[in-house]
Amino acid sequence: MDVARRIGILVFFAVPAIIGGGIVYHFTDSLTSIAIYQVILLLAAGAFVSR
């Protein structure tokens, strides 16, 4: 997988990180839940990029 594709995948995961973080905070009012959500997205992005 070339570098441009890897960067594209990371950008693709950045949008749900920003928007989803706000949605998670709206429903839970907890920064811990946002951190958990971000870690799950980071692991998913890492799995896609490492493939």
Protein backbone atom coordinates (compact mmCIF):
# COMPACT_ATOMS: atom_id res chain seq x y z
CA MET A 1 0.00 0.00 0.00
CA ASP A 2 1.48 3.33 -1.00
CA VAL A 3 1.88 6.34 1.26
CA ALA A 4 -0.92 8.37 -0.33
CA ARG A 5 -3.43 5.61 0.30
CA ARG A 6 -2.35 5.30 3.94
CA ILE A 7 -2.72 9.03 4.48
CA GLY A 8 -6.14 8.91 2.81
CA ILE A 9 -7.29 6.20 5.20
CA LEU A 10 -6.11 8.23 8.19
CA VAL A 11 -7.97 11.30 6.90
CA PHE A 12 -11.06 9.13 6.38
CA PHE A 13 -10.89 8.17 10.07
CA ALA A 14 -10.30 11.76 11.20
CA VAL A 15 -13.83 12.87 10.30
CA PRO A 16 -15.58 10.29 12.53
CA ALA A 17 -13.09 11.12 15.29
CA ILE A 18 -14.09 14.78 15.29
CA ILE A 19 -17.83 14.46 14.63
CA GLY A 20 -18.26 11.25 16.62
CA GLY A 21 -16.37 12.69 19.58
CA GLY A 22 -18.89 15.51 19.78
CA ILE A 23 -21.81 13.12 19.51
CA VAL A 24 -20.40 10.84 22.20
CA TYR A 25 -19.83 13.82 24.51
CA HIS A 26 -23.36 15.06 23.90
CA PHE A 27 -24.88 11.76 25.00
CA THR A 28 -22.51 10.89 27.87
CA ASP A 29 -21.05 14.22 29.14
CA SER A 30 -17.87 12.31 29.94
CA LEU A 31 -14.36 12.83 28.62
CA THR A 32 -13.49 9.24 29.51
CA SER A 33 -16.03 7.91 27.03
CA ILE A 34 -14.54 10.16 24.33
CA ALA A 35 -11.09 8.76 25.08
CA ILE A 36 -12.40 5.20 24.76
CA TYR A 37 -14.11 6.08 21.48
CA GLN A 38 -10.90 7.67 20.14
CA VAL A 39 -8.82 4.63 21.10
CA ILE A 40 -11.24 2.30 19.32
CA LEU A 41 -11.02 4.45 16.18
CA LEU A 42 -7.24 4.58 16.45
CA LEU A 43 -7.05 0.79 16.66
CA ALA A 44 -9.35 0.42 13.66
CA ALA A 45 -7.33 2.92 11.64
CA GLY A 46 -4.11 1.16 12.62
CA ALA A 47 -5.54 -2.16 11.49
CA PHE A 48 -6.48 -0.75 8.10
CA VAL A 49 -3.17 1.04 7.60
CA SER A 50 -1.03 -1.92 8.64
CA ARG A 51 -2.74 -4.21 6.14
